[in-house]
Amino acid sequence: VMGKLGIPLITTNRFNDPENCEQALADKCADMISMARPFLADPFIMKKSELGVPEQINTCIACNQACLDHVFKQKIASCLVNPRACEEDAWPEAESGLSMGQRGEKVAVIGAGPAGMSCASELANLGFEVDLFEKADSLGGQFNVAKKIPGKEEFHSTIRYFSNRLSRLNVNIKLSCEVDAEMLIAGGYSNIVLASGVLPRRWKIPGSDRDEVVDYLQVLKGEVEVGDNVAIIGAGGIGFDVADFITHDADDAGFLESWGIDEEMEERGGLAQPMRTVSKRKVHLLQRSPGKPGAKLGKTTGWIHRVTLRDRGVKMLSGIEYVKLDDSGLHCIHENKGEFVLPVDNVIVCAGQVPFAPLKDELEKRGVKVSIIGGALNASGLDAQRAIREGLALATELAV
């Protein structure tokens, strides 16, 4: 198209990496590149590119959760990976001028998920000496699970950003390290931040202890082999993500082909016949509460998830009462359809999370100053946006 219009051509959408922008310009795909959301994620994106430090860019992950979804709710736009966006007066971006430890206070952060990484990096930026403990062998926490979901691979970029920032700020990162109260008390910390995350909520009905019942973490981590007949308990964000994950065979033709995008522009409007098929798995996505499944998903993305799963053959039902699980299958009662039984090879439980903060009581009993953030504080409706924001807010509070 470029060169045939007689006017400059600007291209946009999902350009979040200056290297890709430069490549598009070099390939003469456009005269200019337009970006919007990436500047919410990192207002210094162009400066960092110019300085040759792209690894320091806080990359937009196109989640829409705090920008477009906020706008459609008449709320101020912000950014999941950068809670400073549009609130710069509350949390100035400028470095504190103090090197790590110069404040003379030492803080331990337990858990290197979104909340922990956010808090630890900001504490170091504000002059605290910071030890960041993580029992897993890598940074990221729940991000390492989220990045396995098709379409959410860019969480890799968020982990890369925080990993780089923590390193530049000289945070003492201690991986594969599970701490106890005695170890922390002996460390002489002025404050201990518990960002130890969540555990999947257990499902309690007769038969819920059977072998075919697994939780979403086991599935996404590849710890279990999922059968062909599946019931998913819970139709919130995690339930939809798991349904997407286990039915992705329906998009084996490829992303563009599955959505009917003609990259060669031979079809009118660049729209071809979608080649998405029905998944080989028979999946039922079940919701206990009445109303539309996935009603609380993001305004700008929820419809995409529902359409995708519908086209893949996923059956979505709400208003379900779970009776029991036995050799016949999952026994349910639907508010309109009455009693029915679903033959299942697996039941995947996505019924929420509970806070995981096992050190809280012992530390508080010993008189240690403890702060709790993220899922360890409140697992209800937890998302990375709130976790990262709470990490930044607590670090700022401790520096006052």
Protein backbone atom coordinates (compact mmCIF):
# COMPACT_ATOMS: atom_id res chain seq x y z
CA VAL A 1 0.00 0.00 0.00
CA MET A 2 2.84 2.37 0.87
CA GLY A 3 3.77 4.56 -2.07
CA LYS A 4 0.43 4.01 -3.84
CA LEU A 5 -1.70 6.43 -1.83
CA GLY A 6 0.02 9.72 -2.57
CA ILE A 7 -0.01 10.60 1.13
CA PRO A 8 2.08 9.35 4.09
CA LEU A 9 0.98 6.02 5.53
CA ILE A 10 0.89 5.49 9.29
CA THR A 11 0.58 1.97 10.69
CA THR A 12 -0.47 1.09 14.23
CA ASN A 13 -1.56 -1.63 16.68
CA ARG A 14 0.72 -3.98 18.64
CA PHE A 15 3.91 -2.12 17.95
CA ASN A 16 5.37 -2.18 21.45
CA ASP A 17 9.05 -2.72 20.65
CA PRO A 18 11.16 -0.01 18.95
CA GLU A 19 13.15 -2.71 17.14
CA ASN A 20 9.96 -3.95 15.44
CA CYS A 21 9.04 -0.37 14.57
CA GLU A 22 12.42 0.20 12.92
CA GLN A 23 12.09 -3.06 11.01
CA ALA A 24 8.64 -2.10 9.71
CA LEU A 25 10.00 1.23 8.50
CA ALA A 26 13.04 -0.43 6.92
CA ASP A 27 10.75 -2.91 5.13
CA LYS A 28 8.74 0.06 3.81
CA CYS A 29 5.53 -1.14 5.45
CA ALA A 30 4.75 2.45 6.44
CA ASP A 31 6.14 5.98 6.59
CA MET A 32 5.45 6.32 10.30
CA ILE A 33 4.55 4.14 13.29
CA SER A 34 1.85 5.16 15.76
CA MET A 35 1.97 3.92 19.36
CA ALA A 36 -0.28 4.77 22.30
CA ARG A 37 -0.46 2.13 25.06
CA PRO A 38 3.32 1.51 25.05
CA PHE A 39 3.80 5.07 26.34
CA LEU A 40 1.59 4.29 29.31
CA ALA A 41 3.72 1.25 30.07
CA ASP A 42 6.95 3.23 29.75
CA PRO A 43 6.97 6.96 28.98
CA PHE A 44 10.75 6.71 28.37
CA ILE A 45 10.48 4.00 25.73
CA MET A 46 12.01 6.12 22.96
CA LYS A 47 14.79 7.48 25.17
CA LYS A 48 15.78 3.97 26.27
CA SER A 49 15.80 2.87 22.63
CA GLU A 50 17.96 5.84 21.68
CA LEU A 51 20.40 5.01 24.50
CA GLY A 52 20.62 1.39 23.34
CA VAL A 53 19.12 -0.15 26.50
CA PRO A 54 15.94 -1.83 25.18
CA GLU A 55 16.15 -4.40 28.00
CA GLN A 56 15.17 -1.58 30.38
CA ILE A 57 11.89 -0.90 28.59
CA ASN A 58 8.73 -1.73 30.55
CA THR A 59 6.92 -3.34 27.64
CA CYS A 60 3.17 -2.96 27.03
CA ILE A 61 1.55 -6.42 27.18
CA ALA A 62 -1.72 -5.34 25.48
CA CYS A 63 -3.89 -6.55 28.36
CA ASN A 64 -6.18 -3.45 28.28
CA GLN A 65 -7.02 -4.02 31.96
CA ALA A 66 -6.01 -0.61 33.29
CA CYS A 67 -6.12 1.51 30.14
CA LEU A 68 -9.01 0.87 27.75
CA ASP A 69 -11.09 -1.11 30.25
CA HIS A 70 -10.81 1.82 32.67
CA VAL A 71 -11.83 4.30 29.99
CA PHE A 72 -14.97 2.30 29.16
CA LYS A 73 -15.86 2.35 32.87
CA GLN A 74 -15.41 6.14 33.05
CA LYS A 75 -12.29 5.67 35.18
CA ILE A 76 -8.89 7.32 34.76
CA ALA A 77 -6.66 5.28 32.49
CA SER A 78 -3.51 3.74 33.94
CA CYS A 79 -1.36 0.70 33.16
CA LEU A 80 -1.10 -2.80 34.62
CA VAL A 81 2.70 -2.92 34.37
CA ASN A 82 3.16 0.76 35.28
CA PRO A 83 0.75 2.01 37.97
CA ARG A 84 2.46 5.42 37.83
CA ALA A 85 0.75 6.10 34.50
CA CYS A 86 -1.63 9.06 34.87
CA GLU A 87 -0.74 9.26 38.59
CA GLU A 88 2.76 10.66 38.21
CA ASP A 89 2.17 13.32 40.90
CA ALA A 90 1.52 10.62 43.50
CA TRP A 91 4.57 8.55 42.54
CA PRO A 92 7.23 10.64 40.79
CA GLU A 93 9.30 8.65 38.32
CA ALA A 94 12.61 10.31 39.22
CA GLU A 95 15.23 8.24 41.03
CA SER A 96 15.55 9.02 44.74
CA GLY A 97 19.22 9.90 44.47
CA LEU A 98 20.03 7.30 47.12
CA SER A 99 21.93 4.14 46.29
CA MET A 100 20.59 0.87 47.68
CA GLY A 101 21.22 0.69 51.43
CA GLN A 102 22.03 4.40 51.79
CA ARG A 103 18.84 4.93 53.79
CA GLY A 104 20.29 2.69 56.49
CA GLU A 105 17.31 0.31 56.63
CA LYS A 106 17.18 -3.28 55.53
CA VAL A 107 13.97 -4.88 54.22
CA ALA A 108 13.16 -8.48 53.31
CA VAL A 109 10.60 -9.19 50.61
CA ILE A 110 9.24 -12.74 50.58
CA GLY A 111 8.00 -13.80 47.16
CA ALA A 112 9.20 -12.65 43.73
CA GLY A 113 5.89 -12.55 41.93
CA PRO A 114 4.35 -9.32 40.55
CA ALA A 115 3.84 -7.71 43.98
CA GLY A 116 7.21 -8.75 45.36
CA MET A 117 9.22 -7.67 42.31
CA SER A 118 7.42 -4.33 42.21
CA CYS A 119 7.95 -3.66 45.91
CA ALA A 120 11.57 -4.83 46.04
CA SER A 121 12.65 -2.76 43.04
CA GLU A 122 10.96 0.39 44.33
CA LEU A 123 12.35 -0.06 47.85
CA ALA A 124 15.86 -0.31 46.40
CA ASN A 125 15.20 2.74 44.25
CA LEU A 126 14.27 4.62 47.43
CA GLY A 127 17.51 3.72 49.17
CA PHE A 128 16.63 0.64 51.20
CA GLU A 129 18.85 -2.44 51.31
CA VAL A 130 16.63 -5.21 49.97
CA ASP A 131 16.78 -8.99 50.15
CA LEU A 132 14.26 -10.64 47.82
CA PHE A 133 13.54 -14.29 48.67
CA GLU A 134 11.85 -16.70 46.24
CA LYS A 135 11.37 -20.41 46.86
CA ALA A 136 11.16 -21.18 43.12
CA ASP A 137 14.22 -21.17 40.91
CA SER A 138 13.16 -18.12 38.89
CA LEU A 139 11.55 -14.71 39.26
CA GLY A 140 7.96 -14.12 38.18
CA GLY A 141 5.58 -16.04 40.43
CA GLN A 142 2.13 -16.25 38.81
CA PHE A 143 3.53 -14.51 35.71
CA ASN A 144 5.35 -17.76 34.93
CA VAL A 145 1.96 -19.45 34.76
CA ALA A 146 0.20 -16.63 32.90
CA LYS A 147 2.81 -16.55 30.13
CA LYS A 148 1.85 -20.12 29.18
CA ILE A 149 -1.62 -18.98 28.11
CA PRO A 150 -1.89 -18.43 24.33
CA GLY A 151 -1.86 -14.70 23.71
CA LYS A 152 -0.22 -13.88 27.04
CA GLU A 153 3.32 -14.73 26.07
CA GLU A 154 4.34 -11.10 26.55
CA PHE A 155 4.39 -11.60 30.30
CA HIS A 156 7.93 -12.79 29.49
CA SER A 157 8.70 -9.13 28.81
CA THR A 158 7.40 -8.00 32.20
CA ILE A 159 9.56 -10.57 33.98
CA ARG A 160 12.53 -9.43 31.87
CA TYR A 161 11.89 -5.79 32.81
CA PHE A 162 11.68 -6.43 36.55
CA SER A 163 14.63 -8.80 36.48
CA ASN A 164 16.74 -6.14 34.79
CA ARG A 165 15.58 -3.40 37.17
CA LEU A 166 16.21 -5.50 40.27
CA SER A 167 19.70 -6.27 39.03
CA ARG A 168 20.51 -2.63 38.19
CA LEU A 169 19.34 -1.55 41.65
CA ASN A 170 21.50 -4.22 43.31
CA VAL A 171 18.66 -6.05 45.01
CA ASN A 172 19.97 -9.21 46.70
CA ILE A 173 17.95 -11.89 44.88
CA LYS A 174 17.87 -15.26 46.62
CA LEU A 175 16.22 -17.92 44.43
CA SER A 176 15.39 -21.48 45.47
CA CYS A 177 15.33 -20.16 49.01
CA GLU A 178 12.45 -20.97 51.35
CA VAL A 179 12.69 -18.91 54.51
CA ASP A 180 11.35 -19.39 58.02
CA ALA A 181 10.65 -16.98 60.87
CA GLU A 182 13.93 -17.66 62.67
CA MET A 183 15.96 -16.91 59.56
CA LEU A 184 14.15 -13.62 58.98
CA ILE A 185 14.36 -12.50 62.60
CA ALA A 186 18.08 -13.19 62.59
CA GLY A 187 18.46 -11.02 59.48
CA GLY A 188 17.85 -7.79 61.39
CA TYR A 189 15.28 -6.38 59.00
CA SER A 190 13.40 -3.17 59.81
CA ASN A 191 10.41 -4.51 57.90
CA ILE A 192 9.43 -7.82 56.36
CA VAL A 193 7.14 -7.73 53.33
CA LEU A 194 5.09 -10.86 52.69
CA ALA A 195 4.30 -11.14 48.98
CA SER A 196 4.03 -14.92 49.09
CA GLY A 197 1.00 -15.13 46.82
CA VAL A 198 -1.93 -17.50 46.73
CA LEU A 199 -2.93 -21.14 46.65
CA PRO A 200 -5.76 -22.56 44.51
CA ARG A 201 -9.02 -22.78 46.43
CA ARG A 202 -10.01 -26.38 47.16
CA TRP A 203 -13.24 -27.75 45.72
CA LYS A 204 -15.41 -29.53 48.26
CA ILE A 205 -18.15 -31.87 47.06
CA PRO A 206 -18.54 -35.65 47.44
CA GLY A 207 -15.89 -37.15 45.15
CA SER A 208 -13.73 -34.05 44.90
CA ASP A 209 -10.80 -36.08 46.22
CA ARG A 210 -10.84 -38.41 43.20
CA ASP A 211 -7.77 -38.68 40.96
CA GLU A 212 -9.43 -37.02 38.00
CA VAL A 213 -9.79 -33.74 39.94
CA VAL A 214 -6.86 -31.38 39.34
CA ASP A 215 -6.28 -27.67 39.84
CA TYR A 216 -5.39 -25.08 37.23
CA LEU A 217 -1.75 -24.85 38.30
CA GLN A 218 -1.21 -28.56 37.69
CA VAL A 219 -2.65 -28.16 34.19
CA LEU A 220 -0.78 -25.01 33.18
CA LYS A 221 2.52 -26.31 34.55
CA GLY A 222 2.13 -29.54 32.58
CA GLU A 223 2.07 -31.71 35.69
CA VAL A 224 -0.97 -33.69 34.51
CA GLU A 225 -2.15 -35.06 31.18
CA VAL A 226 -5.64 -33.76 30.49
CA GLY A 227 -8.17 -36.16 28.96
CA ASP A 228 -10.66 -35.60 26.16
CA ASN A 229 -13.76 -34.95 28.29
CA VAL A 230 -13.26 -32.05 30.67
CA ALA A 231 -15.33 -30.01 33.08
CA ILE A 232 -13.87 -26.71 34.26
CA ILE A 233 -15.18 -25.48 37.61
CA GLY A 234 -15.30 -21.69 37.60
CA ALA A 235 -15.82 -19.34 34.65
CA GLY A 236 -13.76 -16.39 35.80
CA GLY A 237 -10.54 -15.23 34.22
CA ILE A 238 -8.62 -18.35 35.22
CA GLY A 239 -11.36 -20.66 33.97
CA PHE A 240 -11.39 -18.94 30.57
CA ASP A 241 -7.59 -19.04 30.39
CA VAL A 242 -7.52 -22.77 31.14
CA ALA A 243 -10.26 -23.44 28.58
CA ASP A 244 -8.22 -21.53 26.00
CA PHE A 245 -5.08 -23.46 26.95
CA ILE A 246 -6.59 -26.95 26.62
CA THR A 247 -8.53 -26.23 23.38
CA HIS A 248 -5.76 -24.50 21.47
CA ASP A 249 -5.56 -27.43 19.04
CA ALA A 250 -8.55 -25.79 17.33
CA ASP A 251 -6.18 -23.04 16.14
CA ASP A 252 -3.51 -25.35 14.77
CA ALA A 253 -3.85 -23.64 11.37
CA GLY A 254 -2.11 -20.60 12.87
CA PHE A 255 -3.22 -17.29 14.35
CA LEU A 256 -3.90 -15.40 11.10
CA GLU A 257 -5.62 -18.36 9.46
CA SER A 258 -7.76 -19.11 12.52
CA TRP A 259 -9.08 -15.55 12.60
CA GLY A 260 -9.49 -15.31 8.83
CA ILE A 261 -6.83 -12.68 8.18
CA ASP A 262 -5.47 -12.57 4.64
CA GLU A 263 -1.94 -11.26 5.03
CA GLU A 264 -1.45 -11.11 1.27
CA MET A 265 -4.50 -8.80 0.94
CA GLU A 266 -5.87 -10.87 -1.94
CA GLU A 267 -9.32 -11.01 -0.33
CA ARG A 268 -11.43 -7.89 -0.04
CA GLY A 269 -10.61 -6.05 3.17
CA GLY A 270 -7.96 -8.64 3.93
CA LEU A 271 -10.64 -10.93 5.35
CA ALA A 272 -10.62 -14.62 4.48
CA GLN A 273 -12.66 -17.58 5.71
CA PRO A 274 -11.56 -18.40 9.30
CA MET A 275 -9.94 -21.83 9.52
CA ARG A 276 -10.51 -22.38 13.25
CA THR A 277 -11.92 -25.82 13.96
CA VAL A 278 -13.70 -27.44 16.90
CA SER A 279 -11.31 -28.76 19.55
CA LYS A 280 -10.80 -32.50 19.89
CA ARG A 281 -11.66 -32.08 23.57
CA LYS A 282 -15.23 -31.82 24.77
CA VAL A 283 -15.05 -29.06 27.34
CA HIS A 284 -17.76 -27.71 29.64
CA LEU A 285 -17.00 -24.41 31.35
CA LEU A 286 -19.24 -24.26 34.41
CA GLN A 287 -20.21 -21.37 36.64
CA ARG A 288 -22.11 -21.63 39.91
CA SER A 289 -23.51 -18.09 39.89
CA PRO A 290 -26.30 -17.11 37.45
CA GLY A 291 -25.73 -14.77 34.54
CA LYS A 292 -23.46 -14.74 31.52
CA PRO A 293 -20.26 -16.78 31.95
CA GLY A 294 -17.25 -14.50 32.01
CA ALA A 295 -19.36 -11.41 32.65
CA LYS A 296 -16.58 -9.93 34.80
CA LEU A 297 -13.90 -10.27 32.14
CA GLY A 298 -12.48 -7.08 30.67
CA LYS A 299 -14.90 -4.99 28.60
CA THR A 300 -12.55 -4.82 25.61
CA THR A 301 -11.37 -8.43 25.64
CA GLY A 302 -14.10 -10.53 27.26
CA TRP A 303 -16.10 -10.85 24.06
CA ILE A 304 -13.03 -12.17 22.24
CA HIS A 305 -12.56 -14.94 24.81
CA ARG A 306 -16.24 -15.93 24.64
CA VAL A 307 -16.30 -16.00 20.83
CA THR A 308 -13.05 -17.98 20.68
CA LEU A 309 -14.25 -20.66 23.09
CA ARG A 310 -17.66 -20.85 21.44
CA ASP A 311 -16.07 -21.42 18.03
CA ARG A 312 -13.87 -24.14 19.51
CA GLY A 313 -16.93 -25.99 20.76
CA VAL A 314 -16.70 -25.17 24.48
CA LYS A 315 -20.07 -25.38 26.22
CA MET A 316 -20.58 -22.62 28.80
CA LEU A 317 -23.21 -23.01 31.51
CA SER A 318 -24.06 -20.83 34.50
CA GLY A 319 -26.35 -21.36 37.48
CA ILE A 320 -24.84 -24.79 38.18
CA GLU A 321 -25.07 -26.69 41.46
CA TYR A 322 -22.40 -29.39 41.83
CA VAL A 323 -23.85 -32.50 43.48
CA LYS A 324 -21.16 -35.19 43.39
CA LEU A 325 -18.45 -36.82 41.30
CA ASP A 326 -18.43 -40.59 40.83
CA ASP A 327 -17.70 -43.26 38.22
CA SER A 328 -20.63 -42.00 36.12
CA GLY A 329 -19.23 -38.50 35.95
CA LEU A 330 -19.97 -35.07 37.38
CA HIS A 331 -23.54 -34.82 38.68
CA CYS A 332 -24.99 -31.32 38.37
CA ILE A 333 -28.26 -29.44 38.66
CA HIS A 334 -28.93 -26.58 36.27
CA GLU A 335 -31.36 -23.83 37.22
CA ASN A 336 -33.39 -24.49 34.03
CA LYS A 337 -32.26 -27.85 32.63
CA GLY A 338 -32.58 -29.78 35.87
CA GLU A 339 -30.31 -32.72 36.79
CA PHE A 340 -27.67 -34.03 34.38
CA VAL A 341 -24.41 -35.96 34.42
CA LEU A 342 -21.26 -35.02 32.51
CA PRO A 343 -18.92 -37.91 31.69
CA VAL A 344 -15.46 -36.56 32.52
CA ASP A 345 -11.87 -37.67 32.26
CA ASN A 346 -10.81 -34.63 34.27
CA VAL A 347 -12.35 -31.92 36.39
CA ILE A 348 -10.16 -28.82 36.45
CA VAL A 349 -10.83 -26.61 39.47
CA CYS A 350 -10.58 -22.88 38.76
CA ALA A 351 -12.72 -21.77 41.70
CA GLY A 352 -10.51 -18.95 42.94
CA GLN A 353 -7.59 -18.69 45.30
CA VAL A 354 -6.87 -18.24 49.00
CA PRO A 355 -4.09 -16.06 50.51
CA PHE A 356 -0.81 -17.79 51.31
CA ALA A 357 1.07 -16.07 54.12
CA PRO A 358 2.22 -18.85 56.48
CA LEU A 359 4.85 -16.68 58.20
CA LYS A 360 2.49 -13.88 59.23
CA ASP A 361 1.30 -15.14 62.62
CA GLU A 362 4.70 -16.29 63.86
CA LEU A 363 6.44 -13.06 62.84
CA GLU A 364 3.78 -10.85 64.37
CA LYS A 365 3.83 -12.90 67.57
CA ARG A 366 7.56 -12.27 67.78
CA GLY A 367 7.03 -8.51 67.46
CA VAL A 368 8.39 -8.17 63.92
CA LYS A 369 7.02 -5.41 61.71
CA VAL A 370 5.21 -7.18 58.87
CA SER A 371 3.55 -5.77 55.74
CA ILE A 372 1.46 -7.92 53.41
CA ILE A 373 0.71 -7.21 49.73
CA GLY A 374 -0.78 -8.91 46.68
CA GLY A 375 -2.57 -12.20 46.93
CA ALA A 376 -1.04 -12.90 50.33
CA LEU A 377 -3.16 -10.00 51.59
CA ASN A 378 -6.34 -10.52 49.60
CA ALA A 379 -6.88 -13.24 47.01
CA SER A 380 -10.36 -12.06 46.04
CA GLY A 381 -10.39 -10.87 42.46
CA LEU A 382 -6.61 -10.80 42.45
CA ASP A 383 -4.88 -9.62 39.32
CA ALA A 384 -1.40 -8.42 38.44
CA GLN A 385 -2.58 -4.81 38.18
CA ARG A 386 -3.46 -4.66 41.86
CA ALA A 387 -0.38 -6.63 42.89
CA ILE A 388 2.10 -4.34 41.12
CA ARG A 389 0.29 -1.26 42.36
CA GLU A 390 0.33 -2.48 45.97
CA GLY A 391 4.06 -3.16 45.72
CA LEU A 392 4.75 0.39 44.57
CA ALA A 393 2.38 1.92 47.14
CA LEU A 394 3.90 0.02 50.08
CA ALA A 395 7.47 0.91 49.12
CA THR A 396 6.49 4.58 48.93
CA GLU A 397 4.75 4.34 52.32
CA LEU A 398 7.76 2.74 54.01
CA ALA A 399 10.00 5.51 52.70
CA VAL A 400 7.97 8.28 54.33
